[in-house]
N, C-alpha and C. Protein backbone atom coordinates (compact mmCIF):
# COMPACT_ATOMS: atom_id res chain seq x y z
N UNK A 1 6.56 -1.96 -13.68
CA UNK A 1 7.02 -1.71 -12.10
C UNK A 1 8.51 -0.58 -12.65
N UNK A 2 9.01 -0.34 -13.85
CA UNK A 2 9.61 0.53 -14.17
C UNK A 2 9.04 1.93 -14.43
N UNK A 3 7.74 1.99 -14.90
CA UNK A 3 7.32 3.18 -14.65
C UNK A 3 6.91 3.46 -13.30
N UNK A 4 6.59 2.72 -12.37
CA UNK A 4 6.63 2.95 -11.27
C UNK A 4 7.87 3.67 -10.34
N UNK A 5 8.90 3.11 -10.54
CA UNK A 5 10.23 3.49 -10.41
C UNK A 5 10.48 4.93 -10.90
N UNK A 6 10.26 4.97 -12.35
CA UNK A 6 10.31 6.63 -12.55
C UNK A 6 9.62 7.53 -11.71
N UNK A 7 8.33 7.25 -11.84
CA UNK A 7 7.30 8.34 -11.05
C UNK A 7 7.87 8.24 -9.30
N UNK A 8 8.15 7.37 -8.57
CA UNK A 8 8.94 7.57 -7.46
C UNK A 8 10.31 8.03 -7.11
N UNK A 9 10.77 8.11 -8.30
CA UNK A 9 12.29 8.97 -8.36
C UNK A 9 12.16 10.21 -9.05
N UNK A 10 11.12 10.37 -9.74
CA UNK A 10 11.32 11.90 -10.47
C UNK A 10 12.15 11.74 -11.70
N UNK A 11 12.63 10.69 -12.42
CA UNK A 11 13.50 10.60 -13.22
C UNK A 11 12.74 10.60 -14.70
N UNK A 12 12.63 11.92 -15.40
CA UNK A 12 12.13 12.22 -16.38
C UNK A 12 10.60 12.59 -16.35
N UNK A 13 10.20 12.30 -15.19
CA UNK A 13 8.52 12.78 -15.06
C UNK A 13 8.73 13.36 -13.71
N UNK A 14 7.36 13.99 -13.27
CA UNK A 14 7.51 14.54 -12.00
C UNK A 14 7.20 13.68 -11.04
N UNK A 15 7.94 13.88 -9.75
CA UNK A 15 7.85 13.09 -8.89
C UNK A 15 6.47 12.88 -8.35
N UNK A 16 5.79 11.82 -7.99
CA UNK A 16 4.51 11.62 -7.70
C UNK A 16 4.71 10.23 -6.92
N UNK A 17 4.87 10.00 -5.73
CA UNK A 17 5.05 8.98 -4.92
C UNK A 17 3.40 8.08 -5.06
N UNK A 18 2.49 8.65 -5.13
CA UNK A 18 0.82 7.89 -5.21
C UNK A 18 1.26 7.22 -6.63
N UNK A 19 1.28 7.83 -7.18
CA UNK A 19 1.44 7.16 -8.54
C UNK A 19 2.18 5.92 -8.55
N UNK A 20 3.42 6.25 -8.15
CA UNK A 20 4.37 5.26 -8.25
C UNK A 20 3.80 3.68 -7.50
N UNK A 21 3.07 4.10 -6.32
CA UNK A 21 2.46 3.14 -5.74
C UNK A 21 1.34 2.35 -6.29
N UNK A 22 0.57 3.25 -6.80
CA UNK A 22 -0.36 2.54 -7.66
C UNK A 22 0.16 2.00 -8.80
N UNK A 23 1.00 2.07 -9.44
CA UNK A 23 1.71 1.43 -10.74
C UNK A 23 2.51 0.14 -10.05
N UNK A 24 3.04 0.18 -8.95
CA UNK A 24 3.77 -1.03 -8.39
C UNK A 24 2.53 -1.82 -8.08
N UNK A 25 1.49 -1.34 -7.54
CA UNK A 25 0.31 -2.40 -7.37
C UNK A 25 -0.22 -3.04 -8.21
N UNK A 26 -0.38 -2.22 -9.62
CA UNK A 26 -0.93 -3.03 -10.58
C UNK A 26 -0.09 -3.81 -11.15
N UNK A 27 1.29 -3.84 -11.28
CA UNK A 27 2.19 -4.84 -11.81
C UNK A 27 2.02 -5.98 -11.17
N UNK A 28 2.28 -5.54 -9.55
CA UNK A 28 2.09 -6.78 -8.63
C UNK A 28 0.77 -7.59 -8.93
N UNK A 29 -0.60 -6.64 -9.16
CA UNK A 29 -1.83 -7.58 -9.48
C UNK A 29 -1.55 -8.36 -10.84
N UNK A 30 -0.81 -7.69 -11.87
CA UNK A 30 -0.59 -8.42 -13.14
C UNK A 30 0.39 -9.71 -12.98
N UNK A 31 1.03 -9.68 -11.93
CA UNK A 31 2.09 -10.88 -11.64
C UNK A 31 3.17 -11.02 -11.93
N UNK A 32 3.68 -9.40 -11.79
CA UNK A 32 5.12 -9.02 -12.01
C UNK A 32 5.64 -9.12 -10.59
N UNK A 33 6.92 -10.16 -9.84
CA UNK A 33 7.44 -9.96 -8.91
C UNK A 33 8.09 -8.73 -8.49
N UNK A 34 8.61 -8.11 -9.47
CA UNK A 34 9.29 -6.88 -9.24
C UNK A 34 8.36 -5.89 -8.71
N UNK A 35 7.15 -5.91 -9.18
CA UNK A 35 6.07 -4.76 -8.89
C UNK A 35 5.75 -5.29 -7.23
N UNK A 36 5.66 -6.61 -7.16
CA UNK A 36 5.40 -7.02 -5.56
C UNK A 36 6.44 -6.41 -4.51
N UNK A 37 7.67 -6.73 -5.00
CA UNK A 37 8.51 -6.44 -4.18
C UNK A 37 8.67 -4.92 -4.11
N UNK A 38 8.82 -4.04 -5.05
CA UNK A 38 8.88 -2.53 -5.10
C UNK A 38 7.70 -2.18 -3.97
N UNK A 39 6.51 -2.64 -4.19
CA UNK A 39 5.36 -2.16 -3.42
C UNK A 39 5.69 -2.51 -2.11
N UNK A 40 6.28 -3.64 -1.66
CA UNK A 40 6.67 -4.07 -0.52
C UNK A 40 7.62 -3.20 0.27
N UNK A 41 8.56 -2.87 -0.64
CA UNK A 41 9.52 -1.69 -0.22
C UNK A 41 8.77 -0.44 0.38
N UNK A 42 7.90 0.12 -0.33
CA UNK A 42 7.05 1.09 -0.19
C UNK A 42 6.48 0.93 1.02
N UNK A 43 5.54 0.03 1.55
CA UNK A 43 4.81 -0.33 2.50
C UNK A 43 5.31 -0.68 3.71
N UNK A 44 6.55 -1.34 3.65
CA UNK A 44 7.39 -1.42 5.00
C UNK A 44 8.15 -0.10 5.33
N UNK A 45 8.74 0.35 4.16
CA UNK A 45 9.49 1.73 4.72
C UNK A 45 8.83 3.02 5.06
N UNK A 46 7.58 2.95 4.52
CA UNK A 46 6.75 3.98 4.98
C UNK A 46 6.18 4.15 6.59
N UNK A 47 6.39 4.96 7.28
CA UNK A 47 5.77 4.72 8.42
C UNK A 47 3.98 4.97 8.53
N UNK A 48 3.68 4.18 9.60
CA UNK A 48 2.03 4.00 9.27
C UNK A 48 1.63 2.87 9.64
N UNK A 49 0.39 2.39 9.05
CA UNK A 49 -0.32 1.20 9.70
C UNK A 49 0.34 -0.16 9.63
N UNK A 50 0.38 -0.60 10.78
CA UNK A 50 1.13 -2.29 10.73
C UNK A 50 0.48 -3.15 9.70
N UNK A 51 -0.62 -3.10 9.28
CA UNK A 51 -1.24 -4.10 8.39
C UNK A 51 -0.44 -3.72 7.00
N UNK A 52 -0.02 -2.76 6.78
CA UNK A 52 0.82 -2.11 5.51
C UNK A 52 2.16 -2.93 5.81
N UNK A 53 2.69 -3.06 6.88
CA UNK A 53 4.19 -3.94 6.96
C UNK A 53 3.91 -5.07 6.94
N UNK A 54 2.69 -5.67 7.66
CA UNK A 54 2.33 -7.28 7.30
C UNK A 54 2.18 -7.56 5.91
N UNK A 55 1.37 -6.75 5.09
CA UNK A 55 1.23 -7.10 3.56
C UNK A 55 2.59 -6.66 2.97
N UNK A 56 3.38 -6.12 3.15
CA UNK A 56 4.61 -5.90 2.59
C UNK A 56 5.40 -7.20 2.83
N UNK A 57 5.35 -7.43 4.02
CA UNK A 57 6.21 -8.69 4.02
C UNK A 57 5.62 -10.20 3.16
N UNK A 58 4.17 -10.13 3.00
CA UNK A 58 3.50 -10.98 2.51
C UNK A 58 3.82 -10.89 0.89
N UNK A 59 4.01 -9.50 0.36
CA UNK A 59 4.25 -9.41 -1.02
C UNK A 59 5.93 -9.65 -1.31
N UNK A 60 6.69 -9.71 -0.10
CA UNK A 60 8.28 -10.27 -0.46
C UNK A 60 8.10 -11.71 -0.54
N UNK A 61 7.41 -12.42 0.32
CA UNK A 61 7.11 -13.61 0.41
C UNK A 61 6.85 -14.24 -1.30
N UNK A 62 5.96 -13.30 -1.53
CA UNK A 62 5.13 -13.86 -3.00
C UNK A 62 6.43 -13.78 -4.18
N UNK A 63 6.80 -12.45 -3.98
CA UNK A 63 7.99 -12.43 -4.88
C UNK A 63 9.36 -13.22 -4.87
N UNK A 64 9.51 -13.70 -3.41
CA UNK A 64 10.42 -14.51 -3.19
C UNK A 64 10.22 -16.01 -3.83
N UNK A 65 8.94 -16.31 -3.40
CA UNK A 65 8.24 -17.51 -4.27
C UNK A 65 8.50 -17.65 -5.71
N UNK A 66 8.53 -16.48 -6.43
CA UNK A 66 8.45 -16.47 -7.70
C UNK A 66 10.00 -16.32 -8.33
N UNK A 67 10.99 -16.70 -7.09
CA UNK A 67 12.57 -16.62 -7.36
C UNK A 67 13.11 -15.33 -7.84
N UNK A 68 12.60 -14.07 -7.08
CA UNK A 68 13.11 -12.65 -7.68
C UNK A 68 14.26 -12.66 -6.27
N UNK A 69 15.59 -12.78 -6.56
CA UNK A 69 16.29 -12.98 -5.83
C UNK A 69 16.41 -11.57 -4.79
N UNK A 70 16.19 -10.39 -5.11
CA UNK A 70 15.93 -9.11 -4.46
C UNK A 70 14.81 -9.40 -3.59
N UNK A 71 13.76 -10.11 -3.57
CA UNK A 71 12.93 -10.28 -2.72
C UNK A 71 13.30 -11.08 -1.67
N UNK A 72 13.80 -12.27 -1.91
CA UNK A 72 14.62 -13.16 -1.17
C UNK A 72 15.66 -12.68 -0.17
N UNK A 73 16.35 -11.64 -0.76
CA UNK A 73 17.52 -11.14 0.23
C UNK A 73 16.70 -10.31 1.22
N UNK A 74 16.06 -9.37 0.33
CA UNK A 74 15.16 -8.19 1.46
C UNK A 74 14.32 -9.09 2.59
N UNK A 75 14.10 -9.89 2.28
CA UNK A 75 12.84 -10.73 3.37
C UNK A 75 14.29 -11.41 4.32
N UNK A 76 15.25 -11.75 3.68
CA UNK A 76 16.27 -12.14 4.75
C UNK A 76 16.83 -11.41 5.50
N UNK A 77 17.05 -10.03 5.22
CA UNK A 77 17.38 -8.93 5.60
C UNK A 77 16.32 -8.71 6.96
N UNK A 78 15.00 -8.40 6.90
CA UNK A 78 14.13 -8.31 7.47
C UNK A 78 14.20 -9.34 8.65
N UNK A 79 14.36 -10.59 8.56
CA UNK A 79 14.30 -11.86 9.42
C UNK A 79 15.83 -11.61 10.17
N UNK A 80 16.66 -10.84 9.33
CA UNK A 80 18.04 -10.90 10.21
C UNK A 80 18.21 -9.70 11.31
N UNK A 81 17.78 -8.29 10.84
CA UNK A 81 17.65 -7.49 11.96
C UNK A 81 16.23 -7.72 12.90
N UNK A 82 15.31 -8.23 12.43
CA UNK A 82 14.04 -8.34 13.20
C UNK A 82 13.11 -7.02 12.94
N UNK A 83 13.38 -6.35 11.97
CA UNK A 83 12.70 -5.32 11.38
C UNK A 83 11.21 -5.75 10.93
N UNK A 84 10.35 -5.43 11.42
CA UNK A 84 9.02 -5.61 10.61
C UNK A 84 8.61 -7.25 10.98
N UNK A 85 9.57 -7.97 11.35
CA UNK A 85 8.98 -9.29 11.68
C UNK A 85 9.95 -9.75 12.90
N UNK A 86 9.69 -10.84 13.37
CA UNK A 86 10.29 -11.30 14.81
C UNK A 86 11.79 -11.78 14.13
N UNK A 87 12.89 -11.42 14.62
CA UNK A 87 14.38 -11.62 14.19
C UNK A 87 14.21 -13.51 14.45
N UNK A 88 14.95 -13.96 13.14
CA UNK A 88 14.95 -15.36 13.01
C UNK A 88 15.92 -15.54 12.23
N UNK A 89 17.22 -15.70 12.67
CA UNK A 89 18.35 -16.37 11.95
C UNK A 89 18.42 -17.42 11.26
N UNK A 90 17.55 -18.47 11.42
CA UNK A 90 17.50 -19.82 10.64
C UNK A 90 17.03 -19.40 9.40
N UNK A 91 15.71 -18.91 9.60
CA UNK A 91 15.19 -18.40 8.39
C UNK A 91 15.58 -17.02 7.48
N UNK A 92 16.46 -16.46 8.27
CA UNK A 92 17.26 -15.50 7.25
C UNK A 92 18.50 -16.43 6.72
N UNK A 93 19.33 -17.14 7.07
CA UNK A 93 19.88 -18.11 6.66
C UNK A 93 19.17 -18.92 5.40
N UNK A 94 18.09 -19.37 5.39
CA UNK A 94 17.56 -20.30 4.33
C UNK A 94 17.10 -19.08 3.36
N UNK A 95 16.64 -18.03 3.60
CA UNK A 95 16.27 -16.97 2.43
C UNK A 95 17.45 -16.63 1.74
N UNK A 96 18.75 -16.02 2.44
CA UNK A 96 19.92 -15.81 1.89
C UNK A 96 20.28 -16.97 1.14
N UNK A 97 20.13 -18.24 1.66
CA UNK A 97 20.74 -19.14 0.54
C UNK A 97 20.08 -19.35 -0.78
N UNK A 98 18.64 -18.94 -0.47
CA UNK A 98 17.74 -19.19 -1.62
C UNK A 98 18.08 -17.95 -2.86
N UNK A 99 18.26 -16.78 -2.23
CA UNK A 99 18.95 -15.47 -2.95
C UNK A 99 20.12 -15.82 -3.69
N UNK A 100 21.10 -16.52 -2.74
CA UNK A 100 22.17 -17.01 -3.37
C UNK A 100 22.20 -17.57 -4.51
N UNK A 101 21.55 -18.76 -4.49
CA UNK A 101 21.17 -19.86 -5.42
C UNK A 101 20.69 -19.24 -6.90
N UNK A 102 20.03 -17.75 -6.56
CA UNK A 102 19.42 -16.91 -7.64
C UNK A 102 20.74 -15.90 -8.32
N UNK A 103 21.82 -15.94 -7.53
CA UNK A 103 23.13 -15.29 -7.84
C UNK A 103 23.10 -13.91 -7.28
N UNK A 104 22.43 -13.68 -6.07
CA UNK A 104 22.55 -12.45 -5.43
C UNK A 104 23.87 -12.60 -4.54
N UNK A 105 24.58 -11.71 -4.93
CA UNK A 105 26.14 -11.98 -4.35
C UNK A 105 26.01 -11.42 -2.80
N UNK A 106 25.40 -10.51 -2.45
CA UNK A 106 25.15 -10.05 -0.91
C UNK A 106 24.77 -10.98 -0.08
N UNK A 107 23.50 -11.77 -0.68
CA UNK A 107 23.15 -12.84 0.02
C UNK A 107 23.92 -13.91 0.29
N UNK A 108 24.89 -14.34 -0.74
CA UNK A 108 25.83 -15.13 -0.77
C UNK A 108 26.88 -14.74 0.75
N UNK A 109 27.05 -13.77 0.47
CA UNK A 109 28.22 -13.46 1.74
C UNK A 109 27.19 -13.35 3.17
N UNK A 110 26.13 -13.13 2.79
CA UNK A 110 25.61 -13.06 4.50
C UNK A 110 25.33 -14.68 4.44
N UNK A 111 24.87 -15.47 3.56
CA UNK A 111 24.60 -16.70 4.02
C UNK A 111 26.02 -17.78 4.60
N UNK A 112 27.17 -17.09 4.09
CA UNK A 112 28.27 -17.54 4.32
C UNK A 112 28.33 -16.96 5.91
N UNK A 113 28.32 -16.07 6.05
CA UNK A 113 28.50 -15.33 7.46
C UNK A 113 27.63 -16.19 8.63
N UNK A 114 26.30 -16.50 8.28
CA UNK A 114 25.59 -16.97 8.92
C UNK A 114 26.08 -18.54 9.12
N UNK A 115 26.17 -19.25 8.26
CA UNK A 115 27.06 -20.60 8.11
C UNK A 115 28.08 -20.73 9.36
N UNK A 116 28.95 -19.51 9.33
CA UNK A 116 29.78 -19.83 10.12
C UNK A 116 29.59 -19.51 11.57
N UNK A 117 28.51 -18.60 11.79
CA UNK A 117 27.82 -18.54 12.83
C UNK A 117 27.15 -19.53 13.80
N UNK A 118 27.01 -20.65 12.86
CA UNK A 118 26.18 -21.95 13.22
C UNK A 118 24.73 -21.84 12.71
N UNK A 119 24.44 -21.22 11.65
CA UNK A 119 23.04 -21.61 10.74
C UNK A 119 23.31 -22.14 9.65
N UNK A 120 23.64 -23.26 9.56
CA UNK A 120 23.73 -24.00 8.21
C UNK A 120 22.27 -24.18 7.38
N UNK A 121 21.18 -23.63 7.87
CA UNK A 121 19.67 -23.63 7.27
C UNK A 121 19.85 -23.03 5.77
N UNK A 122 20.77 -22.39 5.55
CA UNK A 122 21.00 -21.95 4.27
C UNK A 122 20.59 -22.87 3.19
N UNK A 123 19.89 -22.91 1.87
CA UNK A 123 19.79 -23.84 1.00
C UNK A 123 21.25 -23.73 0.30
N UNK A 124 21.40 -24.81 -0.30
CA UNK A 124 22.58 -24.91 -1.49
C UNK A 124 23.86 -25.45 -0.10
N UNK A 125 24.92 -24.99 -0.65
CA UNK A 125 26.20 -25.52 0.36
C UNK A 125 26.01 -25.10 1.82
N UNK A 126 26.65 -25.99 2.55
CA UNK A 126 26.62 -25.83 3.90
C UNK A 126 27.82 -25.40 4.34
N UNK A 127 28.75 -25.19 3.73
CA UNK A 127 30.04 -24.77 4.07
C UNK A 127 30.18 -23.53 3.76
N UNK A 128 30.72 -22.51 4.86
CA UNK A 128 30.57 -21.12 4.40
C UNK A 128 31.39 -20.68 3.52
N UNK A 129 32.66 -21.70 3.24
CA UNK A 129 33.44 -21.26 2.16
C UNK A 129 32.77 -21.40 0.77
N UNK A 130 32.13 -22.14 0.37
CA UNK A 130 31.31 -22.22 -0.89
C UNK A 130 30.39 -20.78 -1.02
N UNK A 131 29.72 -20.38 0.01
CA UNK A 131 28.91 -19.05 -0.11
C UNK A 131 30.08 -18.02 -0.46
N UNK A 132 31.14 -17.95 0.29
CA UNK A 132 31.82 -16.84 -0.04
C UNK A 132 32.59 -17.04 -1.30
N UNK A 133 32.80 -18.08 -1.52
CA UNK A 133 33.52 -18.28 -3.25
C UNK A 133 32.57 -18.03 -4.04
N UNK A 134 31.09 -18.11 -3.94
CA UNK A 134 30.15 -17.78 -4.84
C UNK A 134 29.93 -16.06 -4.86
N UNK A 135 30.29 -15.85 -3.49
CA UNK A 135 30.04 -14.17 -3.56
C UNK A 135 31.17 -13.37 -3.99
N UNK A 136 32.36 -14.09 -3.92
CA UNK A 136 33.75 -13.47 -4.56
C UNK A 136 33.33 -13.58 -5.89
N UNK A 137 32.99 -14.81 -6.71
CA UNK A 137 32.84 -14.64 -8.13
C UNK A 137 31.52 -13.90 -8.71
N UNK A 138 30.87 -13.39 -7.78
CA UNK A 138 29.61 -12.41 -7.96
C UNK A 138 30.39 -11.06 -7.85
N UNK A 139 31.58 -11.05 -7.56
CA UNK A 139 32.35 -9.60 -7.51
C UNK A 139 31.79 -8.83 -6.30
N UNK A 140 31.49 -9.44 -5.07
CA UNK A 140 31.05 -8.63 -3.80
C UNK A 140 32.74 -9.13 -2.76
N UNK A 141 33.12 -7.51 -2.82
CA UNK A 141 34.58 -7.55 -2.44
C UNK A 141 34.39 -8.04 -0.94
N UNK A 142 33.39 -8.00 0.11
CA UNK A 142 33.21 -8.63 1.27
C UNK A 142 33.30 -10.22 1.42
N UNK A 143 32.79 -10.76 0.33
CA UNK A 143 32.95 -12.08 -0.18
C UNK A 143 34.42 -12.61 -0.37
N UNK A 144 35.05 -11.56 -1.23
CA UNK A 144 36.54 -12.18 -1.35
C UNK A 144 37.45 -11.99 -0.01
N UNK A 145 37.22 -11.04 0.69
CA UNK A 145 37.73 -10.80 1.91
C UNK A 145 37.64 -11.92 2.87
N UNK A 146 36.15 -12.42 3.08
CA UNK A 146 35.85 -13.23 3.94
C UNK A 146 36.77 -14.74 3.11
N UNK A 147 36.52 -15.13 2.08
CA UNK A 147 37.39 -16.43 1.82
C UNK A 147 38.93 -16.05 1.88
N UNK A 148 39.30 -15.29 1.50
CA UNK A 148 40.59 -14.78 1.92
C UNK A 148 41.26 -15.26 3.30
N UNK A 149 40.15 -14.70 4.11
CA UNK A 149 40.54 -15.20 5.77
C UNK A 149 40.69 -16.49 5.96
N UNK A 150 39.90 -17.29 5.40
CA UNK A 150 39.46 -18.52 5.43
C UNK A 150 40.94 -19.59 5.11
N UNK A 151 41.36 -18.97 3.71
CA UNK A 151 42.54 -19.64 3.19
C UNK A 151 43.88 -18.83 4.28
N UNK A 152 43.91 -17.70 4.34
CA UNK A 152 44.79 -17.42 4.96
C UNK A 152 45.17 -17.73 6.58
N UNK A 153 44.23 -17.98 7.42
CA UNK A 153 44.02 -18.64 8.53
C UNK A 153 43.71 -19.69 8.56
N UNK A 154 43.67 -20.55 7.86
CA UNK A 154 43.29 -22.02 7.65
C UNK A 154 42.33 -22.74 8.24
N UNK A 155 40.90 -22.06 8.19
CA UNK A 155 39.84 -22.25 8.90
C UNK A 155 39.09 -23.23 8.08
N UNK A 156 39.23 -24.55 8.48
CA UNK A 156 38.57 -25.55 7.66
C UNK A 156 39.13 -26.00 6.37
N UNK A 157 40.34 -25.34 6.15
CA UNK A 157 40.99 -25.75 4.73
C UNK A 157 42.58 -25.49 5.47
N UNK A 158 43.45 -26.34 4.31
CA UNK A 158 45.02 -26.31 4.57
C UNK A 158 44.98 -24.75 4.51
N UNK A 159 45.94 -24.27 5.16
CA UNK A 159 46.66 -22.74 5.15
C UNK A 159 47.05 -22.59 3.81
N UNK A 160 46.54 -21.70 2.92
CA UNK A 160 47.14 -21.30 1.87
C UNK A 160 47.37 -19.56 1.63
N UNK A 161 48.40 -19.35 2.23
CA UNK A 161 48.55 -17.72 2.34
C UNK A 161 48.57 -17.24 0.81
N UNK A 162 49.25 -17.75 -0.17
CA UNK A 162 49.21 -17.22 -1.80
C UNK A 162 47.26 -16.90 -2.23
N UNK A 163 47.06 -18.04 -1.89
CA UNK A 163 45.66 -17.85 -2.26
C UNK A 163 44.49 -16.95 -1.29
N UNK A 164 45.12 -16.72 -0.18
CA UNK A 164 44.42 -15.75 0.66
C UNK A 164 44.86 -14.16 0.18
N UNK A 165 45.96 -14.10 -0.26
CA UNK A 165 46.61 -12.99 -0.63
C UNK A 165 45.99 -12.37 -1.83
N UNK A 166 45.92 -13.40 -2.96
CA UNK A 166 45.26 -13.53 -4.32
C UNK A 166 43.88 -12.90 -4.32
N UNK A 167 43.18 -13.34 -2.90
CA UNK A 167 41.68 -13.09 -3.04
C UNK A 167 41.55 -11.89 -2.19
N UNK A 168 42.50 -11.16 -1.39
CA UNK A 168 42.72 -9.86 -0.94
C UNK A 168 42.87 -9.05 -2.18
N UNK A 169 43.81 -9.25 -2.75
CA UNK A 169 44.08 -8.64 -4.04
C UNK A 169 42.85 -8.23 -4.87
N UNK A 170 41.83 -9.32 -5.01
CA UNK A 170 40.74 -9.37 -5.77
C UNK A 170 39.83 -8.37 -5.25
N UNK A 171 39.74 -8.45 -3.76
CA UNK A 171 38.59 -7.61 -3.22
C UNK A 171 39.29 -6.28 -3.40
N UNK A 172 40.77 -5.83 -3.02
CA UNK A 172 41.12 -4.36 -3.06
C UNK A 172 40.67 -4.08 -4.52
N UNK A 173 41.16 -4.74 -5.79
CA UNK A 173 40.97 -4.15 -6.98
C UNK A 173 39.31 -4.09 -7.28
N UNK A 174 38.51 -4.75 -6.36
CA UNK A 174 36.85 -4.51 -6.39
C UNK A 174 36.69 -3.33 -5.57
N UNK A 175 37.52 -2.62 -4.92
CA UNK A 175 37.23 -1.38 -4.16
C UNK A 175 37.14 -1.45 -2.77
N UNK A 176 37.39 -2.56 -2.12
CA UNK A 176 37.32 -3.21 -0.56
C UNK A 176 38.83 -2.59 -0.15
N UNK A 177 38.52 -1.61 0.99
CA UNK A 177 39.65 -1.17 1.73
C UNK A 177 39.98 -2.50 2.69
N UNK A 178 39.20 -3.23 3.15
CA UNK A 178 39.70 -4.35 3.82
C UNK A 178 40.63 -5.30 3.04
N UNK A 179 40.14 -5.59 1.80
CA UNK A 179 41.30 -6.20 0.74
C UNK A 179 42.44 -5.51 0.65
N UNK A 180 42.64 -4.23 0.68
CA UNK A 180 43.67 -3.79 0.29
C UNK A 180 44.94 -3.76 1.74
N UNK A 181 43.95 -3.67 2.88
CA UNK A 181 44.57 -3.65 4.01
C UNK A 181 45.24 -4.86 4.26
N UNK A 182 44.53 -6.24 4.11
CA UNK A 182 45.20 -7.41 4.66
C UNK A 182 46.15 -8.07 3.62
């Protein structure tokens, strides 16, 4: 899969999208989940045959079943936006929850948001606070801001302004303008 990335980006080799795709296909056929996920990205993002899009979704599903966090997150994004698949927030929450369990910080943040919106299907903790806490621990600034708001506003917990401020400071240190503002 790494060689496919090099040919796809032109890093150290001549840019060759066809060769990149071929290498991703080979890696996937050899059972490498990252090869399947990279091939899925190519198939879904390239305009063209709807069968390619369906195949790409299937490859993300395969890589997610092999516990590749990025594939689960990407599939969750597709179901969240309704891009390439019918929009399904419950399935999106489940996929984000799975990716969070595999330490994908953005997935933890998104699972927290969907849990707050009433989609507790995300696997793992059903409390948004736990998802945001995990996202913050994985240094996702938005997770720290969201967790800070929970403590600052006392949403489901006892109001704890100092804890909220501490979380905003961490988010600010991680580069979040919202963290610095709050």
